[in-house]
Amino acid sequence: MVVSKNAGGSAARAKLVAARTLGLPVVMIARPAMPARREVFSVADVLRALGHGADLGV
């Protein structure tokens, strides 16, 4: 038996091919769901989100 995490991409391909060739069962562990998160798009937004009161001099 081969146990592998589903990390996406093709990194696990070799072990999956080997398992298939040898007739071994494969257990693929799914990635956990991503938690909700806030997105920011500028340094000023990051500082505000962190509650940072820095004066950047600009």
N, C-alpha and C. Protein backbone atom coordinates (compact mmCIF):
# COMPACT_ATOMS: atom_id res chain seq x y z
N MET A 1 0.84 -1.17 0.00
CA MET A 1 0.00 0.00 0.00
C MET A 1 0.89 1.23 0.00
N VAL A 2 0.47 2.24 -0.77
CA VAL A 2 1.16 3.52 -0.81
C VAL A 2 0.21 4.57 -0.24
N VAL A 3 0.70 5.34 0.73
CA VAL A 3 -0.06 6.45 1.29
C VAL A 3 0.66 7.72 0.91
N SER A 4 -0.08 8.65 0.29
CA SER A 4 0.53 9.87 -0.21
C SER A 4 -0.41 11.04 0.01
N LYS A 5 0.18 12.21 0.26
CA LYS A 5 -0.66 13.41 0.37
C LYS A 5 -0.87 13.98 -1.03
N ASN A 6 -2.00 14.60 -1.23
CA ASN A 6 -2.31 15.23 -2.50
C ASN A 6 -1.80 16.66 -2.44
N ALA A 7 -0.53 16.86 -2.83
CA ALA A 7 0.08 18.17 -2.77
C ALA A 7 -0.10 18.94 -4.07
N GLY A 8 -0.76 18.34 -5.03
CA GLY A 8 -0.90 18.99 -6.32
C GLY A 8 0.37 18.83 -7.13
N GLY A 9 0.31 19.15 -8.38
CA GLY A 9 1.49 19.03 -9.22
C GLY A 9 1.81 17.58 -9.56
N SER A 10 3.03 17.36 -10.01
CA SER A 10 3.40 16.03 -10.49
C SER A 10 4.49 15.37 -9.65
N ALA A 11 4.77 15.90 -8.46
CA ALA A 11 5.87 15.38 -7.63
C ALA A 11 5.65 13.92 -7.21
N ALA A 12 4.41 13.50 -7.00
CA ALA A 12 4.13 12.14 -6.54
C ALA A 12 3.90 11.16 -7.69
N ARG A 13 4.03 11.63 -8.91
CA ARG A 13 3.71 10.79 -10.06
C ARG A 13 4.49 9.49 -10.08
N ALA A 14 5.79 9.52 -9.79
CA ALA A 14 6.63 8.31 -9.85
C ALA A 14 6.13 7.24 -8.89
N LYS A 15 5.79 7.63 -7.67
CA LYS A 15 5.33 6.62 -6.71
C LYS A 15 3.96 6.08 -7.09
N LEU A 16 3.12 6.91 -7.71
CA LEU A 16 1.80 6.42 -8.15
C LEU A 16 1.93 5.45 -9.32
N VAL A 17 2.85 5.75 -10.23
CA VAL A 17 3.10 4.84 -11.36
C VAL A 17 3.66 3.52 -10.84
N ALA A 18 4.59 3.59 -9.88
CA ALA A 18 5.17 2.37 -9.32
C ALA A 18 4.10 1.54 -8.62
N ALA A 19 3.22 2.19 -7.86
CA ALA A 19 2.15 1.47 -7.17
C ALA A 19 1.23 0.79 -8.17
N ARG A 20 0.90 1.50 -9.25
CA ARG A 20 0.03 0.92 -10.28
C ARG A 20 0.71 -0.28 -10.94
N THR A 21 2.01 -0.15 -11.24
CA THR A 21 2.76 -1.24 -11.87
C THR A 21 2.81 -2.47 -10.98
N LEU A 22 2.96 -2.26 -9.68
CA LEU A 22 3.04 -3.37 -8.73
C LEU A 22 1.67 -3.85 -8.25
N GLY A 23 0.62 -3.18 -8.68
CA GLY A 23 -0.73 -3.57 -8.28
C GLY A 23 -1.04 -3.23 -6.83
N LEU A 24 -0.36 -2.22 -6.29
CA LEU A 24 -0.58 -1.83 -4.89
C LEU A 24 -1.72 -0.82 -4.78
N PRO A 25 -2.50 -0.92 -3.71
CA PRO A 25 -3.53 0.09 -3.50
C PRO A 25 -2.89 1.42 -3.09
N VAL A 26 -3.54 2.52 -3.40
CA VAL A 26 -3.05 3.85 -3.07
C VAL A 26 -4.09 4.57 -2.24
N VAL A 27 -3.65 5.15 -1.13
CA VAL A 27 -4.51 6.02 -0.33
C VAL A 27 -3.98 7.43 -0.50
N MET A 28 -4.81 8.32 -1.03
CA MET A 28 -4.41 9.70 -1.28
C MET A 28 -5.09 10.58 -0.23
N ILE A 29 -4.29 11.26 0.56
CA ILE A 29 -4.80 12.14 1.61
C ILE A 29 -5.05 13.52 0.99
N ALA A 30 -6.28 14.00 1.14
CA ALA A 30 -6.66 15.30 0.55
C ALA A 30 -6.08 16.45 1.36
N ARG A 31 -5.86 17.57 0.69
CA ARG A 31 -5.42 18.78 1.36
C ARG A 31 -6.56 19.33 2.21
N PRO A 32 -6.24 19.91 3.35
CA PRO A 32 -7.30 20.54 4.14
C PRO A 32 -7.82 21.79 3.43
N ALA A 33 -9.05 22.14 3.73
CA ALA A 33 -9.63 23.35 3.13
C ALA A 33 -8.88 24.58 3.64
N MET A 34 -8.72 25.57 2.77
CA MET A 34 -8.07 26.82 3.17
C MET A 34 -9.04 27.63 4.02
N PRO A 35 -8.57 28.14 5.15
CA PRO A 35 -9.46 28.98 5.97
C PRO A 35 -9.73 30.32 5.28
N ALA A 36 -10.83 30.94 5.64
CA ALA A 36 -11.13 32.26 5.09
C ALA A 36 -10.02 33.23 5.50
N ARG A 37 -9.70 34.15 4.63
CA ARG A 37 -8.65 35.10 4.94
C ARG A 37 -8.95 36.45 4.29
N ARG A 38 -8.35 37.46 4.86
CA ARG A 38 -8.51 38.81 4.33
C ARG A 38 -7.38 39.07 3.34
N GLU A 39 -7.71 39.66 2.21
CA GLU A 39 -6.68 40.00 1.22
C GLU A 39 -6.42 41.49 1.24
N VAL A 40 -5.16 41.84 1.12
CA VAL A 40 -4.76 43.24 1.03
C VAL A 40 -3.85 43.39 -0.18
N PHE A 41 -3.81 44.60 -0.72
CA PHE A 41 -3.12 44.79 -1.99
C PHE A 41 -2.08 45.91 -1.97
N SER A 42 -1.79 46.44 -0.80
CA SER A 42 -0.75 47.46 -0.71
C SER A 42 -0.09 47.38 0.67
N VAL A 43 1.07 47.99 0.78
CA VAL A 43 1.78 48.01 2.07
C VAL A 43 0.93 48.75 3.10
N ALA A 44 0.30 49.84 2.69
CA ALA A 44 -0.54 50.61 3.62
C ALA A 44 -1.68 49.73 4.14
N ASP A 45 -2.29 48.94 3.27
CA ASP A 45 -3.36 48.04 3.70
C ASP A 45 -2.84 46.99 4.68
N VAL A 46 -1.65 46.47 4.45
CA VAL A 46 -1.05 45.48 5.36
C VAL A 46 -0.85 46.11 6.73
N LEU A 47 -0.28 47.30 6.76
CA LEU A 47 -0.03 47.97 8.04
C LEU A 47 -1.34 48.24 8.77
N ARG A 48 -2.38 48.66 8.04
CA ARG A 48 -3.69 48.88 8.67
C ARG A 48 -4.25 47.57 9.22
N ALA A 49 -4.14 46.49 8.44
CA ALA A 49 -4.67 45.19 8.87
C ALA A 49 -3.95 44.69 10.12
N LEU A 50 -2.67 45.03 10.25
CA LEU A 50 -1.89 44.61 11.42
C LEU A 50 -2.06 45.57 12.60
N GLY A 51 -2.76 46.69 12.37
CA GLY A 51 -2.92 47.67 13.43
C GLY A 51 -1.62 48.42 13.73
N HIS A 52 -0.76 48.50 12.72
CA HIS A 52 0.54 49.14 12.86
C HIS A 52 0.39 50.63 12.62
N GLY A 53 0.90 51.43 13.52
CA GLY A 53 0.77 52.88 13.37
C GLY A 53 2.02 53.55 12.85
N ALA A 54 2.82 52.83 12.08
CA ALA A 54 4.10 53.39 11.59
C ALA A 54 3.86 54.52 10.60
N ASP A 55 4.68 55.54 10.72
CA ASP A 55 4.69 56.63 9.75
C ASP A 55 5.82 56.32 8.77
N LEU A 56 5.46 56.01 7.53
CA LEU A 56 6.47 55.61 6.56
C LEU A 56 7.18 56.80 5.92
N GLY A 57 6.79 58.01 6.28
CA GLY A 57 7.45 59.18 5.75
C GLY A 57 7.09 59.47 4.31
N VAL A 58 5.98 58.99 3.86
CA VAL A 58 5.55 59.27 2.49
C VAL A 58 4.21 59.92 2.48
